[in-house]
Amino acid sequence: MPSDPQLMVLGRVLEALQSLDNHSAQRDRQVQALAEEIRRHGEVEREQALVIGELRTDLRTRREADERILADHRAGGAAARSNIAAFVASPIFLPVVTALLTGLLTAAGLRYTAPQTAAPSHTPETAP
């Protein structure tokens, strides 16, 4: 049978073993909590990567749409300039502008008469 000092030593050893066991269990729980946190962090990063990918796709789609709209706008502007140039070059331009100016002046209470083209005083056939 063990003596009292031996029992005291065995009791301390048993307490130390229980303390180590408790410490080990606490470490296991900390490691499990840390592993769970890492797993959740990985899920969050994956979700963020998916959202970023979707945003990039949306941005690319919007940019392409904006580029198409801008190209259409530029083509429309070129067509409008071409139409204006054709109208200015047409034989109807001067009479239309003259009529508009006459109407505006008349509306303002002014009188405007377009200059008459005078016949040449002499022609090559009637030259002196």
N, C-alpha and C. Protein backbone atom coordinates (compact mmCIF):
# COMPACT_ATOMS: atom_id res chain seq x y z
N MET A 1 0.81 -1.18 0.00
CA MET A 1 0.00 0.00 0.00
C MET A 1 0.85 1.25 0.00
N PRO A 2 0.44 2.22 -0.81
CA PRO A 2 1.26 3.42 -0.86
C PRO A 2 1.12 4.25 0.41
N SER A 3 2.19 4.93 0.71
CA SER A 3 2.19 5.79 1.89
C SER A 3 1.57 7.14 1.55
N ASP A 4 1.36 7.93 2.57
CA ASP A 4 0.73 9.24 2.39
C ASP A 4 1.51 10.14 1.43
N PRO A 5 2.83 10.23 1.53
CA PRO A 5 3.53 11.08 0.58
C PRO A 5 3.37 10.55 -0.85
N GLN A 6 3.33 9.26 -1.00
CA GLN A 6 3.15 8.69 -2.34
C GLN A 6 1.75 9.02 -2.87
N LEU A 7 0.77 8.99 -2.00
CA LEU A 7 -0.60 9.32 -2.39
C LEU A 7 -0.68 10.79 -2.80
N MET A 8 0.04 11.62 -2.09
CA MET A 8 0.03 13.05 -2.42
C MET A 8 0.66 13.27 -3.80
N VAL A 9 1.74 12.57 -4.06
CA VAL A 9 2.40 12.70 -5.36
C VAL A 9 1.48 12.15 -6.45
N LEU A 10 0.87 11.02 -6.23
CA LEU A 10 -0.06 10.45 -7.21
C LEU A 10 -1.25 11.39 -7.44
N GLY A 11 -1.71 12.03 -6.39
CA GLY A 11 -2.81 12.99 -6.52
C GLY A 11 -2.41 14.18 -7.37
N ARG A 12 -1.19 14.67 -7.16
CA ARG A 12 -0.71 15.81 -7.97
C ARG A 12 -0.53 15.40 -9.42
N VAL A 13 -0.01 14.19 -9.61
CA VAL A 13 0.16 13.70 -10.99
C VAL A 13 -1.20 13.59 -11.65
N LEU A 14 -2.17 13.06 -10.95
CA LEU A 14 -3.54 12.93 -11.49
C LEU A 14 -4.12 14.30 -11.80
N GLU A 15 -3.94 15.28 -10.93
CA GLU A 15 -4.41 16.65 -11.18
C GLU A 15 -3.72 17.24 -12.41
N ALA A 16 -2.41 17.00 -12.53
CA ALA A 16 -1.67 17.52 -13.69
C ALA A 16 -2.18 16.88 -14.97
N LEU A 17 -2.46 15.57 -14.92
CA LEU A 17 -3.00 14.86 -16.11
C LEU A 17 -4.39 15.40 -16.46
N GLN A 18 -5.22 15.65 -15.47
CA GLN A 18 -6.55 16.21 -15.73
C GLN A 18 -6.43 17.62 -16.29
N SER A 19 -5.49 18.40 -15.76
CA SER A 19 -5.27 19.76 -16.27
C SER A 19 -4.81 19.71 -17.72
N LEU A 20 -3.89 18.78 -18.02
CA LEU A 20 -3.43 18.62 -19.40
C LEU A 20 -4.58 18.18 -20.31
N ASP A 21 -5.42 17.29 -19.80
CA ASP A 21 -6.56 16.82 -20.58
C ASP A 21 -7.53 17.97 -20.85
N ASN A 22 -7.78 18.78 -19.83
CA ASN A 22 -8.67 19.95 -20.00
C ASN A 22 -8.05 20.94 -20.98
N HIS A 23 -6.75 21.17 -20.82
CA HIS A 23 -6.05 22.09 -21.73
C HIS A 23 -6.09 21.56 -23.16
N SER A 24 -5.90 20.27 -23.32
CA SER A 24 -5.93 19.64 -24.64
C SER A 24 -7.34 19.76 -25.25
N ALA A 25 -8.37 19.55 -24.45
CA ALA A 25 -9.75 19.67 -24.94
C ALA A 25 -10.03 21.12 -25.34
N GLN A 26 -9.53 22.06 -24.52
CA GLN A 26 -9.72 23.47 -24.85
C GLN A 26 -9.00 23.80 -26.15
N ARG A 27 -7.79 23.30 -26.35
CA ARG A 27 -7.06 23.52 -27.60
C ARG A 27 -7.81 22.90 -28.77
N ASP A 28 -8.37 21.73 -28.58
CA ASP A 28 -9.15 21.09 -29.67
C ASP A 28 -10.34 21.97 -30.05
N ARG A 29 -11.03 22.51 -29.08
CA ARG A 29 -12.17 23.39 -29.37
C ARG A 29 -11.71 24.65 -30.10
N GLN A 30 -10.57 25.22 -29.68
CA GLN A 30 -10.04 26.41 -30.35
C GLN A 30 -9.66 26.09 -31.79
N VAL A 31 -9.04 24.93 -32.00
CA VAL A 31 -8.66 24.53 -33.36
C VAL A 31 -9.91 24.33 -34.22
N GLN A 32 -10.94 23.71 -33.67
CA GLN A 32 -12.18 23.50 -34.41
C GLN A 32 -12.85 24.84 -34.73
N ALA A 33 -12.86 25.76 -33.79
CA ALA A 33 -13.45 27.08 -34.03
C ALA A 33 -12.67 27.82 -35.11
N LEU A 34 -11.35 27.72 -35.06
CA LEU A 34 -10.51 28.36 -36.07
C LEU A 34 -10.75 27.73 -37.45
N ALA A 35 -10.86 26.43 -37.51
CA ALA A 35 -11.13 25.74 -38.77
C ALA A 35 -12.49 26.17 -39.33
N GLU A 36 -13.48 26.33 -38.47
CA GLU A 36 -14.81 26.79 -38.91
C GLU A 36 -14.73 28.22 -39.44
N GLU A 37 -13.98 29.05 -38.76
CA GLU A 37 -13.82 30.45 -39.19
C GLU A 37 -13.13 30.49 -40.56
N ILE A 38 -12.12 29.67 -40.75
CA ILE A 38 -11.42 29.61 -42.04
C ILE A 38 -12.38 29.14 -43.13
N ARG A 39 -13.19 28.13 -42.82
CA ARG A 39 -14.17 27.62 -43.80
C ARG A 39 -15.17 28.71 -44.18
N ARG A 40 -15.69 29.43 -43.17
CA ARG A 40 -16.63 30.52 -43.46
C ARG A 40 -15.97 31.61 -44.28
N HIS A 41 -14.72 31.93 -43.94
CA HIS A 41 -13.99 32.96 -44.69
C HIS A 41 -13.82 32.53 -46.15
N GLY A 42 -13.53 31.27 -46.36
CA GLY A 42 -13.41 30.75 -47.73
C GLY A 42 -14.72 30.86 -48.50
N GLU A 43 -15.84 30.57 -47.81
CA GLU A 43 -17.15 30.69 -48.46
C GLU A 43 -17.42 32.15 -48.82
N VAL A 44 -17.10 33.05 -47.92
CA VAL A 44 -17.30 34.48 -48.18
C VAL A 44 -16.46 34.92 -49.38
N GLU A 45 -15.21 34.47 -49.42
CA GLU A 45 -14.35 34.82 -50.55
C GLU A 45 -14.90 34.27 -51.86
N ARG A 46 -15.42 33.05 -51.85
CA ARG A 46 -16.03 32.47 -53.06
C ARG A 46 -17.25 33.28 -53.49
N GLU A 47 -18.08 33.66 -52.52
CA GLU A 47 -19.25 34.47 -52.85
C GLU A 47 -18.84 35.83 -53.41
N GLN A 48 -17.82 36.43 -52.82
CA GLN A 48 -17.33 37.71 -53.31
C GLN A 48 -16.78 37.57 -54.72
N ALA A 49 -16.08 36.49 -54.98
CA ALA A 49 -15.54 36.25 -56.33
C ALA A 49 -16.68 36.10 -57.34
N LEU A 50 -17.75 35.42 -56.95
CA LEU A 50 -18.91 35.28 -57.84
C LEU A 50 -19.55 36.63 -58.12
N VAL A 51 -19.72 37.43 -57.08
CA VAL A 51 -20.33 38.76 -57.25
C VAL A 51 -19.45 39.63 -58.13
N ILE A 52 -18.14 39.59 -57.89
CA ILE A 52 -17.23 40.38 -58.71
C ILE A 52 -17.30 39.94 -60.17
N GLY A 53 -17.37 38.64 -60.40
CA GLY A 53 -17.51 38.14 -61.77
C GLY A 53 -18.78 38.62 -62.43
N GLU A 54 -19.88 38.60 -61.68
CA GLU A 54 -21.15 39.09 -62.22
C GLU A 54 -21.07 40.58 -62.52
N LEU A 55 -20.46 41.35 -61.62
CA LEU A 55 -20.33 42.79 -61.84
C LEU A 55 -19.47 43.08 -63.07
N ARG A 56 -18.41 42.31 -63.25
CA ARG A 56 -17.58 42.51 -64.44
C ARG A 56 -18.36 42.20 -65.71
N THR A 57 -19.15 41.14 -65.67
CA THR A 57 -19.96 40.79 -66.83
C THR A 57 -20.97 41.89 -67.12
N ASP A 58 -21.64 42.41 -66.08
CA ASP A 58 -22.59 43.50 -66.25
C ASP A 58 -21.90 44.74 -66.81
N LEU A 59 -20.74 45.05 -66.28
CA LEU A 59 -20.00 46.22 -66.74
C LEU A 59 -19.61 46.06 -68.21
N ARG A 60 -19.14 44.87 -68.58
CA ARG A 60 -18.75 44.62 -69.96
C ARG A 60 -19.97 44.75 -70.89
N THR A 61 -21.09 44.19 -70.47
CA THR A 61 -22.31 44.26 -71.27
C THR A 61 -22.76 45.71 -71.43
N ARG A 62 -22.73 46.47 -70.35
CA ARG A 62 -23.13 47.88 -70.42
C ARG A 62 -22.18 48.68 -71.29
N ARG A 63 -20.88 48.40 -71.17
CA ARG A 63 -19.90 49.12 -71.99
C ARG A 63 -20.14 48.83 -73.47
N GLU A 64 -20.40 47.56 -73.80
CA GLU A 64 -20.66 47.21 -75.20
C GLU A 64 -21.92 47.91 -75.70
N ALA A 65 -22.95 47.97 -74.86
CA ALA A 65 -24.19 48.65 -75.25
C ALA A 65 -23.93 50.14 -75.45
N ASP A 66 -23.16 50.75 -74.55
CA ASP A 66 -22.83 52.17 -74.69
C ASP A 66 -22.04 52.43 -75.97
N GLU A 67 -21.12 51.52 -76.28
CA GLU A 67 -20.33 51.68 -77.50
C GLU A 67 -21.22 51.58 -78.74
N ARG A 68 -22.19 50.66 -78.72
CA ARG A 68 -23.12 50.54 -79.86
C ARG A 68 -23.97 51.80 -79.99
N ILE A 69 -24.45 52.33 -78.85
CA ILE A 69 -25.26 53.55 -78.89
C ILE A 69 -24.44 54.71 -79.42
N LEU A 70 -23.19 54.82 -78.97
CA LEU A 70 -22.32 55.89 -79.43
C LEU A 70 -22.05 55.76 -80.93
N ALA A 71 -21.81 54.54 -81.40
CA ALA A 71 -21.57 54.33 -82.83
C ALA A 71 -22.82 54.69 -83.64
N ASP A 72 -24.00 54.31 -83.14
CA ASP A 72 -25.25 54.67 -83.82
C ASP A 72 -25.42 56.18 -83.84
N HIS A 73 -25.10 56.83 -82.73
CA HIS A 73 -25.22 58.29 -82.63
C HIS A 73 -24.28 58.97 -83.63
N ARG A 74 -23.06 58.47 -83.69
CA ARG A 74 -22.10 59.04 -84.64
C ARG A 74 -22.55 58.84 -86.07
N ALA A 75 -23.08 57.65 -86.36
CA ALA A 75 -23.58 57.39 -87.72
C ALA A 75 -24.76 58.30 -88.03
N GLY A 76 -25.64 58.52 -87.04
CA GLY A 76 -26.77 59.42 -87.24
C GLY A 76 -26.32 60.84 -87.47
N GLY A 77 -25.30 61.28 -86.73
CA GLY A 77 -24.77 62.63 -86.92
C GLY A 77 -24.16 62.80 -88.30
N ALA A 78 -23.45 61.78 -88.76
CA ALA A 78 -22.86 61.84 -90.10
C ALA A 78 -23.96 61.88 -91.16
N ALA A 79 -25.01 61.11 -90.95
CA ALA A 79 -26.12 61.12 -91.91
C ALA A 79 -26.82 62.48 -91.92
N ALA A 80 -26.99 63.06 -90.72
CA ALA A 80 -27.64 64.38 -90.64
C ALA A 80 -26.78 65.43 -91.35
N ARG A 81 -25.47 65.38 -91.12
CA ARG A 81 -24.60 66.34 -91.80
C ARG A 81 -24.66 66.15 -93.31
N SER A 82 -24.73 64.92 -93.74
CA SER A 82 -24.81 64.64 -95.17
C SER A 82 -26.12 65.18 -95.74
N ASN A 83 -27.22 65.00 -95.00
CA ASN A 83 -28.52 65.51 -95.45
C ASN A 83 -28.52 67.04 -95.51
N ILE A 84 -27.91 67.67 -94.51
CA ILE A 84 -27.85 69.13 -94.50
C ILE A 84 -27.01 69.62 -95.67
N ALA A 85 -25.88 68.98 -95.91
CA ALA A 85 -25.02 69.37 -97.03
C ALA A 85 -25.76 69.20 -98.36
N ALA A 86 -26.52 68.13 -98.48
CA ALA A 86 -27.28 67.91 -99.72
C ALA A 86 -28.34 68.99 -99.89
N PHE A 87 -29.00 69.38 -98.79
CA PHE A 87 -30.02 70.40 -98.88
C PHE A 87 -29.41 71.75 -99.26
N VAL A 88 -28.28 72.10 -98.64
CA VAL A 88 -27.63 73.38 -98.95
C VAL A 88 -27.19 73.40 -100.41
N ALA A 89 -26.77 72.28 -100.92
CA ALA A 89 -26.31 72.22 -102.32
C ALA A 89 -27.47 72.14 -103.30
N SER A 90 -28.68 71.90 -102.82
CA SER A 90 -29.80 71.74 -103.74
C SER A 90 -30.28 73.10 -104.27
N PRO A 91 -30.93 73.09 -105.42
CA PRO A 91 -31.41 74.35 -105.99
C PRO A 91 -32.56 74.97 -105.22
N ILE A 92 -33.18 74.26 -104.30
CA ILE A 92 -34.31 74.80 -103.55
C ILE A 92 -33.86 75.56 -102.31
N PHE A 93 -32.61 75.41 -101.91
CA PHE A 93 -32.12 76.00 -100.66
C PHE A 93 -32.31 77.51 -100.63
N LEU A 94 -31.81 78.20 -101.61
CA LEU A 94 -31.86 79.66 -101.61
C LEU A 94 -33.29 80.20 -101.60
N PRO A 95 -34.22 79.69 -102.42
CA PRO A 95 -35.60 80.18 -102.34
C PRO A 95 -36.26 79.91 -100.98
N VAL A 96 -35.96 78.76 -100.37
CA VAL A 96 -36.55 78.45 -99.07
C VAL A 96 -36.02 79.40 -98.00
N VAL A 97 -34.73 79.65 -98.00
CA VAL A 97 -34.14 80.56 -97.01
C VAL A 97 -34.67 81.99 -97.23
N THR A 98 -34.79 82.39 -98.47
CA THR A 98 -35.32 83.72 -98.77
C THR A 98 -36.76 83.84 -98.27
N ALA A 99 -37.56 82.81 -98.50
CA ALA A 99 -38.96 82.84 -98.04
C ALA A 99 -39.03 82.89 -96.52
N LEU A 100 -38.18 82.12 -95.86
CA LEU A 100 -38.17 82.14 -94.40
C LEU A 100 -37.77 83.51 -93.85
N LEU A 101 -36.73 84.07 -94.41
CA LEU A 101 -36.30 85.40 -93.95
C LEU A 101 -37.36 86.45 -94.23
N THR A 102 -38.00 86.37 -95.39
CA THR A 102 -39.06 87.32 -95.71
C THR A 102 -40.20 87.18 -94.71
N GLY A 103 -40.57 85.95 -94.38
CA GLY A 103 -41.64 85.72 -93.40
C GLY A 103 -41.27 86.26 -92.04
N LEU A 104 -40.03 86.04 -91.60
CA LEU A 104 -39.59 86.55 -90.30
C LEU A 104 -39.57 88.07 -90.27
N LEU A 105 -39.08 88.68 -91.33
CA LEU A 105 -39.04 90.14 -91.38
C LEU A 105 -40.45 90.73 -91.42
N THR A 106 -41.32 90.09 -92.18
CA THR A 106 -42.71 90.56 -92.26
C THR A 106 -43.38 90.44 -90.89
N ALA A 107 -43.12 89.32 -90.19
CA ALA A 107 -43.70 89.12 -88.87
C ALA A 107 -43.17 90.17 -87.90
N ALA A 108 -41.97 90.64 -88.13
CA ALA A 108 -41.38 91.66 -87.27
C ALA A 108 -41.84 93.06 -87.67
N GLY A 109 -42.64 93.15 -88.71
CA GLY A 109 -43.15 94.45 -89.14
C GLY A 109 -42.23 95.15 -90.13
N LEU A 110 -41.32 94.46 -90.68
CA LEU A 110 -40.40 95.05 -91.66
C LEU A 110 -40.77 94.53 -93.05
N ARG A 111 -40.35 95.26 -94.03
CA ARG A 111 -40.65 94.83 -95.40
C ARG A 111 -39.33 94.48 -96.07
N TYR A 112 -39.34 93.38 -96.73
CA TYR A 112 -38.13 92.93 -97.42
C TYR A 112 -38.52 92.49 -98.82
N THR A 113 -37.80 92.99 -99.72
CA THR A 113 -38.00 92.53 -101.11
C THR A 113 -36.67 91.99 -101.58
N ALA A 114 -36.72 90.83 -102.15
CA ALA A 114 -35.50 90.19 -102.63
C ALA A 114 -34.99 90.98 -103.82
N PRO A 115 -33.70 91.13 -103.93
CA PRO A 115 -33.15 91.86 -105.08
C PRO A 115 -33.45 91.11 -106.37
N GLN A 116 -33.80 91.89 -107.35
CA GLN A 116 -34.06 91.30 -108.66
C GLN A 116 -32.75 91.21 -109.42
N THR A 117 -32.61 90.14 -110.12
CA THR A 117 -31.39 89.99 -110.91
C THR A 117 -31.55 90.86 -112.14
N ALA A 118 -30.67 91.80 -112.26
CA ALA A 118 -30.75 92.72 -113.40
C ALA A 118 -30.18 92.06 -114.64
N ALA A 119 -30.80 92.34 -115.76
CA ALA A 119 -30.29 91.81 -117.03
C ALA A 119 -29.04 92.56 -117.38
N PRO A 120 -28.07 91.91 -117.93
CA PRO A 120 -26.85 92.63 -118.31
C PRO A 120 -27.18 93.72 -119.31
N SER A 121 -26.46 94.82 -119.19
CA SER A 121 -26.73 95.95 -120.08
C SER A 121 -26.33 95.62 -121.50
N HIS A 122 -25.42 94.74 -121.64
CA HIS A 122 -25.08 94.30 -123.01
C HIS A 122 -24.65 92.86 -122.97
N THR A 123 -24.90 92.18 -123.99
CA THR A 123 -24.53 90.79 -124.10
C THR A 123 -23.45 90.68 -125.16
N PRO A 124 -22.77 89.60 -125.20
CA PRO A 124 -21.72 89.48 -126.23
C PRO A 124 -22.26 89.66 -127.65
N GLU A 125 -23.55 89.28 -127.85
CA GLU A 125 -24.12 89.43 -129.20
C GLU A 125 -24.38 90.90 -129.51
N THR A 126 -24.68 91.69 -128.47
CA THR A 126 -25.04 93.11 -128.68
C THR A 126 -23.92 94.03 -128.26
N ALA A 127 -22.75 93.52 -128.14
CA ALA A 127 -21.64 94.35 -127.69
C ALA A 127 -21.35 95.42 -128.73
N PRO A 128 -20.99 96.60 -128.25
CA PRO A 128 -20.73 97.69 -129.19
C PRO A 128 -19.52 97.44 -130.09
